[in-house]
PDB file of N, CA and C in Angstrom:
ATOM      1  N   MET A   1      37.477 128.639  -1.675  1.00  0.00           N
ATOM      2  CA  MET A   1      37.942 127.565  -2.542  1.00  0.00           C
ATOM      3  C   MET A   1      39.388 127.217  -2.218  1.00  0.00           C
ATOM      4  N   HIS A   2      39.696 125.914  -2.324  1.00  0.00           N
ATOM      5  CA  HIS A   2      41.053 125.446  -2.060  1.00  0.00           C
ATOM      6  C   HIS A   2      41.611 124.823  -3.332  1.00  0.00           C
ATOM      7  N   GLU A   3      42.054 125.672  -4.236  1.00  0.00           N
ATOM      8  CA  GLU A   3      42.566 125.164  -5.503  1.00  0.00           C
ATOM      9  C   GLU A   3      43.958 124.574  -5.359  1.00  0.00           C
ATOM     10  N   HIS A   4      44.692 125.002  -4.355  1.00  0.00           N
ATOM     11  CA  HIS A   4      46.076 124.552  -4.192  1.00  0.00           C
ATOM     12  C   HIS A   4      46.208 123.704  -2.933  1.00  0.00           C
ATOM     13  N   GLU A   5      45.781 122.473  -3.023  1.00  0.00           N
ATOM     14  CA  GLU A   5      45.908 121.564  -1.889  1.00  0.00           C
ATOM     15  C   GLU A   5      47.374 121.163  -1.745  1.00  0.00           C
ATOM     16  N   HIS A   6      47.794 120.929  -0.516  1.00  0.00           N
ATOM     17  CA  HIS A   6      49.194 120.608  -0.262  1.00  0.00           C
ATOM     18  C   HIS A   6      49.426 119.128  -0.007  1.00  0.00           C
ATOM     19  N   GLY A   7      48.460 118.299  -0.244  1.00  0.00           N
ATOM     20  CA  GLY A   7      48.590 116.878   0.009  1.00  0.00           C
ATOM     21  C   GLY A   7      49.598 116.171  -0.883  1.00  0.00           C
ATOM     22  N   GLN A   8      49.950 116.760  -1.997  1.00  0.00           N
ATOM     23  CA  GLN A   8      50.860 116.120  -2.931  1.00  0.00           C
ATOM     24  C   GLN A   8      52.324 116.422  -2.637  1.00  0.00           C
ATOM     25  N   GLU A   9      52.596 117.343  -1.744  1.00  0.00           N
ATOM     26  CA  GLU A   9      53.975 117.734  -1.480  1.00  0.00           C
ATOM     27  C   GLU A   9      54.674 116.691  -0.632  1.00  0.00           C
ATOM     28  N   HIS A  10      55.994 116.583  -0.837  1.00  0.00           N
ATOM     29  CA  HIS A  10      56.800 115.677  -0.020  1.00  0.00           C
ATOM     30  C   HIS A  10      57.122 116.359   1.293  1.00  0.00           C
ATOM     31  N   GLY A  11      57.005 115.634   2.373  1.00  0.00           N
ATOM     32  CA  GLY A  11      57.391 116.160   3.674  1.00  0.00           C
ATOM     33  C   GLY A  11      58.861 115.895   3.927  1.00  0.00           C
ATOM     34  N   HIS A  12      59.366 116.412   5.026  1.00  0.00           N
ATOM     35  CA  HIS A  12      60.757 116.154   5.385  1.00  0.00           C
ATOM     36  C   HIS A  12      60.931 114.668   5.641  1.00  0.00           C
ATOM     37  N   GLY A  13      62.043 114.122   5.151  1.00  0.00           N
ATOM     38  CA  GLY A  13      62.323 112.725   5.388  1.00  0.00           C
ATOM     39  C   GLY A  13      61.685 111.779   4.386  1.00  0.00           C
ATOM     40  N   MET A  14      60.949 112.308   3.422  1.00  0.00           N
ATOM     41  CA  MET A  14      60.322 111.453   2.422  1.00  0.00           C
ATOM     42  C   MET A  14      61.322 111.196   1.299  1.00  0.00           C
ATOM     43  N   VAL A  15      61.802 109.968   1.224  1.00  0.00           N
ATOM     44  CA  VAL A  15      62.797 109.602   0.227  1.00  0.00           C
ATOM     45  C   VAL A  15      62.109 108.829  -0.884  1.00  0.00           C
ATOM     46  N   ASN A  16      62.399 109.199  -2.124  1.00  0.00           N
ATOM     47  CA  ASN A  16      61.876 108.474  -3.273  1.00  0.00           C
ATOM     48  C   ASN A  16      62.583 107.116  -3.326  1.00  0.00           C
ATOM     49  N   PRO A  17      61.872 106.013  -3.100  1.00  0.00           N
ATOM     50  CA  PRO A  17      62.536 104.708  -3.035  1.00  0.00           C
ATOM     51  C   PRO A  17      63.180 104.289  -4.350  1.00  0.00           C
ATOM     52  N   ILE A  18      62.618 104.709  -5.467  1.00  0.00           N
ATOM     53  CA  ILE A  18      63.201 104.363  -6.768  1.00  0.00           C
ATOM     54  C   ILE A  18      64.522 105.093  -6.952  1.00  0.00           C
ATOM     55  N   GLU A  19      64.541 106.381  -6.636  1.00  0.00           N
ATOM     56  CA  GLU A  19      65.783 107.153  -6.736  1.00  0.00           C
ATOM     57  C   GLU A  19      66.841 106.563  -5.813  1.00  0.00           C
ATOM     58  N   LEU A  20      66.433 106.207  -4.608  1.00  0.00           N
ATOM     59  CA  LEU A  20      67.371 105.644  -3.639  1.00  0.00           C
ATOM     60  C   LEU A  20      67.957 104.330  -4.147  1.00  0.00           C
ATOM     61  N   GLN A  21      67.126 103.437  -4.659  1.00  0.00           N
ATOM     62  CA  GLN A  21      67.615 102.142  -5.132  1.00  0.00           C
ATOM     63  C   GLN A  21      68.535 102.292  -6.343  1.00  0.00           C
ATOM     64  N   LYS A  22      68.223 103.229  -7.244  1.00  0.00           N
ATOM     65  CA  LYS A  22      69.103 103.469  -8.389  1.00  0.00           C
ATOM     66  C   LYS A  22      70.467 103.935  -7.913  1.00  0.00           C
ATOM     67  N   LEU A  23      70.473 104.830  -6.939  1.00  0.00           N
ATOM     68  CA  LEU A  23      71.727 105.338  -6.393  1.00  0.00           C
ATOM     69  C   LEU A  23      72.512 104.219  -5.712  1.00  0.00           C
ATOM     70  N   LEU A  24      71.853 103.480  -4.835  1.00  0.00           N
ATOM     71  CA  LEU A  24      72.536 102.453  -4.052  1.00  0.00           C
ATOM     72  C   LEU A  24      73.034 101.304  -4.916  1.00  0.00           C
ATOM     73  N   GLY A  25      72.343 101.031  -6.013  1.00  0.00           N
ATOM     74  CA  GLY A  25      72.749  99.949  -6.896  1.00  0.00           C
ATOM     75  C   GLY A  25      74.018 100.250  -7.674  1.00  0.00           C
ATOM     76  N   GLY A  26      74.368 101.523  -7.793  1.00  0.00           N
ATOM     77  CA  GLY A  26      75.546 101.907  -8.556  1.00  0.00           C
ATOM     78  C   GLY A  26      76.777 102.164  -7.713  1.00  0.00           C
ATOM     79  N   ILE A  27      76.759 101.716  -6.469  1.00  0.00           N
ATOM     80  CA  ILE A  27      77.848 101.985  -5.531  1.00  0.00           C
ATOM     81  C   ILE A  27      78.574 100.689  -5.207  1.00  0.00           C
ATOM     82  N   ASN A  28      79.898 100.786  -5.046  1.00  0.00           N
ATOM     83  CA  ASN A  28      80.688  99.635  -4.614  1.00  0.00           C
ATOM     84  C   ASN A  28      80.692  99.561  -3.095  1.00  0.00           C
ATOM     85  N   TYR A  29      80.490  98.373  -2.571  1.00  0.00           N
ATOM     86  CA  TYR A  29      80.437  98.148  -1.121  1.00  0.00           C
ATOM     87  C   TYR A  29      81.620  97.307  -0.688  1.00  0.00           C
ATOM     88  N   PRO A  30      82.044  97.398   0.573  1.00  0.00           N
ATOM     89  CA  PRO A  30      81.514  98.259   1.636  1.00  0.00           C
ATOM     90  C   PRO A  30      81.847  99.722   1.382  1.00  0.00           C
ATOM     91  N   ILE A  31      81.080 100.613   2.032  1.00  0.00           N
ATOM     92  CA  ILE A  31      81.257 102.051   1.865  1.00  0.00           C
ATOM     93  C   ILE A  31      80.973 102.739   3.196  1.00  0.00           C
ATOM     94  N   ASP A  32      81.712 103.811   3.470  1.00  0.00           N
ATOM     95  CA  ASP A  32      81.435 104.561   4.699  1.00  0.00           C
ATOM     96  C   ASP A  32      80.510 105.731   4.374  1.00  0.00           C
ATOM     97  N   LYS A  33      79.986 106.344   5.415  1.00  0.00           N
ATOM     98  CA  LYS A  33      78.996 107.409   5.240  1.00  0.00           C
ATOM     99  C   LYS A  33      79.549 108.567   4.413  1.00  0.00           C
ATOM    100  N   SER A  34      80.763 108.992   4.693  1.00  0.00           N
ATOM    101  CA  SER A  34      81.355 110.128   3.985  1.00  0.00           C
ATOM    102  C   SER A  34      81.466 109.849   2.484  1.00  0.00           C
ATOM    103  N   THR A  35      81.978 108.671   2.139  1.00  0.00           N
ATOM    104  CA  THR A  35      82.111 108.303   0.727  1.00  0.00           C
ATOM    105  C   THR A  35      80.742 108.147   0.080  1.00  0.00           C
ATOM    106  N   LEU A  36      79.795 107.593   0.827  1.00  0.00           N
ATOM    107  CA  LEU A  36      78.425 107.449   0.327  1.00  0.00           C
ATOM    108  C   LEU A  36      77.836 108.806  -0.048  1.00  0.00           C
ATOM    109  N   LEU A  37      78.021 109.794   0.819  1.00  0.00           N
ATOM    110  CA  LEU A  37      77.523 111.143   0.519  1.00  0.00           C
ATOM    111  C   LEU A  37      78.199 111.718  -0.723  1.00  0.00           C
ATOM    112  N   ASP A  38      79.511 111.516  -0.847  1.00  0.00           N
ATOM    113  CA  ASP A  38      80.229 111.992  -2.035  1.00  0.00           C
ATOM    114  C   ASP A  38      79.669 111.350  -3.301  1.00  0.00           C
ATOM    115  N   ARG A  39      79.470 110.030  -3.276  1.00  0.00           N
ATOM    116  CA  ARG A  39      78.936 109.317  -4.448  1.00  0.00           C
ATOM    117  C   ARG A  39      77.528 109.804  -4.786  1.00  0.00           C
ATOM    118  N   ALA A  40      76.719 110.035  -3.758  1.00  0.00           N
ATOM    119  CA  ALA A  40      75.348 110.498  -3.986  1.00  0.00           C
ATOM    120  C   ALA A  40      75.344 111.873  -4.645  1.00  0.00           C
ATOM    121  N   ARG A  41      76.194 112.776  -4.158  1.00  0.00           N
ATOM    122  CA  ARG A  41      76.282 114.114  -4.768  1.00  0.00           C
ATOM    123  C   ARG A  41      76.760 114.004  -6.211  1.00  0.00           C
ATOM    124  N   ASP A  42      77.791 113.179  -6.441  1.00  0.00           N
ATOM    125  CA  ASP A  42      78.319 113.001  -7.796  1.00  0.00           C
ATOM    126  C   ASP A  42      77.258 112.450  -8.745  1.00  0.00           C
ATOM    127  N   ALA A  43      76.362 111.614  -8.218  1.00  0.00           N
ATOM    128  CA  ALA A  43      75.313 110.995  -9.037  1.00  0.00           C
ATOM    129  C   ALA A  43      74.113 111.914  -9.230  1.00  0.00           C
ATOM    130  N   GLY A  44      74.136 113.089  -8.591  1.00  0.00           N
ATOM    131  CA  GLY A  44      73.034 114.029  -8.738  1.00  0.00           C
ATOM    132  C   GLY A  44      71.804 113.663  -7.930  1.00  0.00           C
ATOM    133  N   ALA A  45      72.013 113.034  -6.774  1.00  0.00           N
ATOM    134  CA  ALA A  45      70.883 112.646  -5.918  1.00  0.00           C
ATOM    135  C   ALA A  45      70.088 113.875  -5.498  1.00  0.00           C
ATOM    136  N   GLY A  46      68.790 113.695  -5.337  1.00  0.00           N
ATOM    137  CA  GLY A  46      67.903 114.773  -4.926  1.00  0.00           C
ATOM    138  C   GLY A  46      68.115 115.166  -3.475  1.00  0.00           C
ATOM    139  N   SER A  47      67.572 116.309  -3.105  1.00  0.00           N
ATOM    140  CA  SER A  47      67.780 116.839  -1.757  1.00  0.00           C
ATOM    141  C   SER A  47      67.210 115.929  -0.678  1.00  0.00           C
ATOM    142  N   GLU A  48      66.092 115.242  -0.959  1.00  0.00           N
ATOM    143  CA  GLU A  48      65.515 114.347   0.048  1.00  0.00           C
ATOM    144  C   GLU A  48      66.447 113.183   0.341  1.00  0.00           C
ATOM    145  N   VAL A  49      67.043 112.621  -0.714  1.00  0.00           N
ATOM    146  CA  VAL A  49      67.976 111.504  -0.539  1.00  0.00           C
ATOM    147  C   VAL A  49      69.220 111.976   0.202  1.00  0.00           C
ATOM    148  N   LEU A  50      69.778 113.112  -0.207  1.00  0.00           N
ATOM    149  CA  LEU A  50      70.977 113.622   0.458  1.00  0.00           C
ATOM    150  C   LEU A  50      70.712 113.920   1.924  1.00  0.00           C
ATOM    151  N   ASP A  51      69.557 114.494   2.222  1.00  0.00           N
ATOM    152  CA  ASP A  51      69.210 114.795   3.608  1.00  0.00           C
ATOM    153  C   ASP A  51      69.128 113.510   4.433  1.00  0.00           C
ATOM    154  N   ALA A  52      68.508 112.483   3.877  1.00  0.00           N
ATOM    155  CA  ALA A  52      68.398 111.206   4.590  1.00  0.00           C
ATOM    156  C   ALA A  52      69.773 110.589   4.811  1.00  0.00           C
ATOM    157  N   LEU A  53      70.636 110.643   3.799  1.00  0.00           N
ATOM    158  CA  LEU A  53      71.974 110.067   3.936  1.00  0.00           C
ATOM    159  C   LEU A  53      72.787 110.804   4.994  1.00  0.00           C
ATOM    160  N   ARG A  54      72.617 112.114   5.070  1.00  0.00           N
ATOM    161  CA  ARG A  54      73.335 112.895   6.092  1.00  0.00           C
ATOM    162  C   ARG A  54      72.934 112.482   7.504  1.00  0.00           C
ATOM    163  N   ARG A  55      71.707 112.017   7.663  1.00  0.00           N
ATOM    164  CA  ARG A  55      71.210 111.647   8.993  1.00  0.00           C
ATOM    165  C   ARG A  55      71.553 110.208   9.375  1.00  0.00           C
ATOM    166  N   LEU A  56      72.160 109.449   8.475  1.00  0.00           N
ATOM    167  CA  LEU A  56      72.536 108.070   8.778  1.00  0.00           C
ATOM    168  C   LEU A  56      73.624 108.024   9.843  1.00  0.00           C
ATOM    169  N   PRO A  57      73.672 106.928  10.608  1.00  0.00           N
ATOM    170  CA  PRO A  57      74.787 106.749  11.545  1.00  0.00           C
ATOM    171  C   PRO A  57      76.113 106.706  10.790  1.00  0.00           C
ATOM    172  N   ASP A  58      77.154 107.227  11.411  1.00  0.00           N
ATOM    173  CA  ASP A  58      78.486 107.258  10.798  1.00  0.00           C
ATOM    174  C   ASP A  58      79.130 105.887  10.984  1.00  0.00           C
ATOM    175  N   GLN A  59      78.940 105.034   9.996  1.00  0.00           N
ATOM    176  CA  GLN A  59      79.456 103.670  10.068  1.00  0.00           C
ATOM    177  C   GLN A  59      79.714 103.163   8.663  1.00  0.00           C
ATOM    178  N   ARG A  60      80.231 101.945   8.568  1.00  0.00           N
ATOM    179  CA  ARG A  60      80.473 101.299   7.279  1.00  0.00           C
ATOM    180  C   ARG A  60      79.223 100.505   6.893  1.00  0.00           C
ATOM    181  N   TYR A  61      78.842 100.602   5.621  1.00  0.00           N
ATOM    182  CA  TYR A  61      77.674  99.897   5.102  1.00  0.00           C
ATOM    183  C   TYR A  61      78.144  98.850   4.097  1.00  0.00           C
ATOM    184  N   ASN A  62      77.633  97.622   4.239  1.00  0.00           N
ATOM    185  CA  ASN A  62      78.091  96.505   3.422  1.00  0.00           C
ATOM    186  C   ASN A  62      77.201  96.191   2.227  1.00  0.00           C
ATOM    187  N   SER A  63      76.016  96.806   2.169  1.00  0.00           N
ATOM    188  CA  SER A  63      75.092  96.514   1.067  1.00  0.00           C
ATOM    189  C   SER A  63      74.038  97.612   0.975  1.00  0.00           C
ATOM    190  N   PRO A  64      73.330  97.676  -0.161  1.00  0.00           N
ATOM    191  CA  PRO A  64      72.220  98.628  -0.266  1.00  0.00           C
ATOM    192  C   PRO A  64      71.170  98.396   0.816  1.00  0.00           C
ATOM    193  N   THR A  65      70.974  97.140   1.207  1.00  0.00           N
ATOM    194  CA  THR A  65      69.986  96.826   2.240  1.00  0.00           C
ATOM    195  C   THR A  65      70.356  97.461   3.571  1.00  0.00           C
ATOM    196  N   ASP A  66      71.656  97.457   3.908  1.00  0.00           N
ATOM    197  CA  ASP A  66      72.097  98.107   5.149  1.00  0.00           C
ATOM    198  C   ASP A  66      71.652  99.565   5.177  1.00  0.00           C
ATOM    199  N   ILE A  67      71.837 100.247   4.059  1.00  0.00           N
ATOM    200  CA  ILE A  67      71.503 101.670   3.983  1.00  0.00           C
ATOM    201  C   ILE A  67      69.985 101.863   3.993  1.00  0.00           C
ATOM    202  N   SER A  68      69.271 101.080   3.198  1.00  0.00           N
ATOM    203  CA  SER A  68      67.808 101.191   3.159  1.00  0.00           C
ATOM    204  C   SER A  68      67.196 100.949   4.533  1.00  0.00           C
ATOM    205  N   ASP A  69      67.710  99.945   5.249  1.00  0.00           N
ATOM    206  CA  ASP A  69      67.192  99.647   6.586  1.00  0.00           C
ATOM    207  C   ASP A  69      67.395 100.825   7.528  1.00  0.00           C
ATOM    208  N   GLN A  70      68.569 101.443   7.476  1.00  0.00           N
ATOM    209  CA  GLN A  70      68.846 102.584   8.347  1.00  0.00           C
ATOM    210  C   GLN A  70      67.963 103.776   7.985  1.00  0.00           C
ATOM    211  N   ILE A  71      67.768 104.023   6.697  1.00  0.00           N
ATOM    212  CA  ILE A  71      66.903 105.129   6.270  1.00  0.00           C
ATOM    213  C   ILE A  71      65.470 104.870   6.731  1.00  0.00           C
ATOM    214  N   GLY A  72      65.039 103.616   6.673  1.00  0.00           N
ATOM    215  CA  GLY A  72      63.703 103.264   7.144  1.00  0.00           C
ATOM    216  C   GLY A  72      63.503 103.567   8.618  1.00  0.00           C
ATOM    217  N   LYS A  73      64.564 103.474   9.393  1.00  0.00           N
ATOM    218  CA  LYS A  73      64.482 103.765  10.826  1.00  0.00           C
ATOM    219  C   LYS A  73      64.411 105.263  11.105  1.00  0.00           C
ATOM    220  N   LEU A  74      64.805 106.083  10.135  1.00  0.00           N
ATOM    221  CA  LEU A  74      64.811 107.536  10.317  1.00  0.00           C
ATOM    222  C   LEU A  74      63.417 108.129  10.221  1.00  0.00           C
ATOM    223  N   THR A  75      62.541 107.513   9.440  1.00  0.00           N
ATOM    224  CA  THR A  75      61.235 108.113   9.183  1.00  0.00           C
ATOM    225  C   THR A  75      60.215 107.778  10.234  1.00  0.00           C
TER     226      THR A  75
END
């Protein structure tokens, strides 16, 4: 018997889009990667979001869309 299926678990790189949008909507732009990570930690972002943000290119982001697009390229 397989009572504990693992299909519901999040894999690496799986970012909750609702959590991400809530975080990105509360940030002032433009923002650099380092400041973005600080804001995300301060906001209590989950480990999946923080992991994705750490993997972003080290550049300045002008909007939530800039960040979402880059995260989309990571997966």
